[in-house]
């Protein structure tokens, strides 16, 4: 297959993948809103929990 044929196909695939990821992120954001409404105003995390979170997002300083 020539690159001219593959480029539109790959662009379409990337677009669909982006759209699906955006849809999943929107779902997770709404799910978090629903679950947060059930929680008390303040939740205290342990140092172990904070380390687990920081491993996933080490540049977070909030």
Foldseek 3Di string as FASTA:
>chain_A
DDPVVVVVVVVVVVVVVVVVVVVVVVVVVVVVVVVVVVDPPDDDDDPVVVVVVCVVPVVDDD
